[in-house]
Amino acid sequence: MPRQSKHSNELLEDLIIHVRAHSVLDDASEAGHRDRVLISNIWNSIAKVLKITDEDCKKAWKNLRDTFSKLRRENMHSISGQAAKKKSKWSFYQQLTFLEKYLQEKE
């Protein structure tokens, strides 16, 4: 894939859907979470479907997850009215709320 500074919203939405279908990527309590071969195979299959490299998939996912985590922390420490405004600004926030159950232990 040619270097792009940003992935398209459609590609990122598809990435979210595919990663969500493979909870082993984010759920440390799942047996396969530390299986490097399994995880690599999952990233390769997602990359193939999205027609990008597995490295681009992982980088985009890390960016999405990190952004969600940061916004979530900010929302947890802000007044409810301000939190509602912040949540609505980032288009992927609601799609990534499934990550909350995996992030609770770390925050």
Protein backbone atom coordinates (compact mmCIF):
# COMPACT_ATOMS: atom_id res chain seq x y z
CA MET A 1 0.00 0.00 0.00
CA PRO A 2 1.41 3.41 -0.84
CA ARG A 3 2.23 5.49 2.20
CA GLN A 4 -0.72 7.58 3.22
CA SER A 5 -0.90 9.91 6.17
CA LYS A 6 -4.46 8.84 6.91
CA HIS A 7 -6.52 5.78 6.18
CA SER A 8 -9.98 6.29 4.75
CA ASN A 9 -12.88 6.24 7.19
CA GLU A 10 -14.35 3.28 5.32
CA LEU A 11 -11.14 1.29 5.69
CA LEU A 12 -10.95 2.10 9.41
CA GLU A 13 -14.59 1.12 9.90
CA ASP A 14 -13.90 -2.21 8.17
CA LEU A 15 -10.82 -2.70 10.33
CA ILE A 16 -12.89 -2.15 13.47
CA ILE A 17 -15.46 -4.70 12.31
CA HIS A 18 -12.81 -7.33 11.58
CA VAL A 19 -10.85 -6.79 14.78
CA ARG A 20 -14.05 -6.87 16.82
CA ALA A 21 -14.79 -10.30 15.34
CA HIS A 22 -11.44 -11.54 16.71
CA SER A 23 -11.60 -10.73 20.41
CA VAL A 24 -8.40 -12.72 21.01
CA LEU A 25 -6.50 -9.69 19.67
CA ASP A 26 -7.56 -7.53 22.63
CA ASP A 27 -8.79 -9.89 25.34
CA ALA A 28 -5.81 -10.90 27.47
CA SER A 29 -7.96 -13.48 29.27
CA GLU A 30 -8.40 -15.54 26.08
CA ALA A 31 -6.09 -18.53 25.76
CA GLY A 32 -4.83 -17.56 22.30
CA HIS A 33 -3.98 -13.96 23.20
CA ARG A 34 -0.28 -14.81 23.66
CA ASP A 35 -0.09 -17.24 20.74
CA ARG A 36 2.07 -15.27 18.31
CA VAL A 37 1.33 -17.60 15.37
CA LEU A 38 -2.43 -17.32 15.87
CA ILE A 39 -2.28 -13.54 16.28
CA SER A 40 -0.06 -13.20 13.20
CA ASN A 41 -2.44 -15.35 11.15
CA ILE A 42 -5.41 -13.23 12.24
CA TRP A 43 -3.64 -9.98 11.30
CA ASN A 44 -2.63 -11.48 7.95
CA SER A 45 -6.20 -12.54 7.19
CA ILE A 46 -7.59 -9.12 8.14
CA ALA A 47 -4.92 -7.41 6.00
CA LYS A 48 -5.74 -9.63 3.04
CA VAL A 49 -9.45 -8.78 3.24
CA LEU A 50 -8.70 -5.06 3.57
CA LYS A 51 -6.02 -5.21 0.86
CA ILE A 52 -3.34 -3.58 2.99
CA THR A 53 -0.26 -4.94 4.75
CA ASP A 54 -0.51 -6.56 8.15
CA GLU A 55 1.85 -3.88 9.49
CA ASP A 56 -0.51 -1.16 8.23
CA CYS A 57 -3.39 -3.00 9.90
CA LYS A 58 -1.58 -3.17 13.22
CA LYS A 59 -0.49 0.48 13.07
CA ALA A 60 -3.99 1.68 12.21
CA TRP A 61 -5.48 -0.49 14.96
CA LYS A 62 -2.96 0.76 17.54
CA ASN A 63 -3.80 4.34 16.57
CA LEU A 64 -7.55 3.70 16.87
CA ARG A 65 -7.20 1.87 20.18
CA ASP A 66 -4.84 4.45 21.68
CA THR A 67 -7.08 7.33 20.63
CA PHE A 68 -10.14 5.60 22.08
CA SER A 69 -8.30 4.88 25.32
CA LYS A 70 -7.14 8.49 25.64
CA LEU A 71 -10.60 9.92 24.95
CA ARG A 72 -12.17 7.45 27.35
CA ARG A 73 -9.78 8.48 30.15
CA GLU A 74 -10.52 12.16 29.43
CA ASN A 75 -14.25 11.48 29.49
CA MET A 76 -13.99 9.62 32.79
CA HIS A 77 -12.28 12.64 34.39
CA SER A 78 -14.49 15.38 32.98
CA ILE A 79 -17.89 16.77 33.81
CA SER A 80 -20.68 14.79 32.14
CA GLY A 81 -21.73 17.64 29.84
CA GLN A 82 -18.19 18.05 28.58
CA ALA A 83 -17.81 14.29 28.16
CA ALA A 84 -20.85 14.11 25.93
CA LYS A 85 -19.38 16.79 23.66
CA LYS A 86 -16.01 15.03 23.46
CA LYS A 87 -17.54 11.65 22.65
CA SER A 88 -19.46 13.02 19.69
CA LYS A 89 -16.41 14.69 18.10
CA TRP A 90 -14.55 11.49 17.17
CA SER A 91 -16.51 9.43 14.67
CA PHE A 92 -15.13 6.05 15.81
CA TYR A 93 -15.73 6.41 19.55
CA GLN A 94 -19.06 4.61 19.66
CA GLN A 95 -17.84 1.83 17.36
CA LEU A 96 -14.94 1.15 19.72
CA THR A 97 -16.88 1.01 22.99
CA PHE A 98 -16.57 -2.80 22.87
CA LEU A 99 -12.95 -2.22 23.98
CA GLU A 100 -14.08 -0.88 27.36
CA LYS A 101 -14.25 -4.36 28.87
CA TYR A 102 -10.61 -4.97 27.89
CA LEU A 103 -9.32 -1.59 29.04
CA GLN A 104 -10.89 -1.49 32.51
CA GLU A 105 -8.07 -3.39 34.15
CA LYS A 106 -5.39 -1.05 32.78
CA GLU A 107 -7.02 2.29 33.61
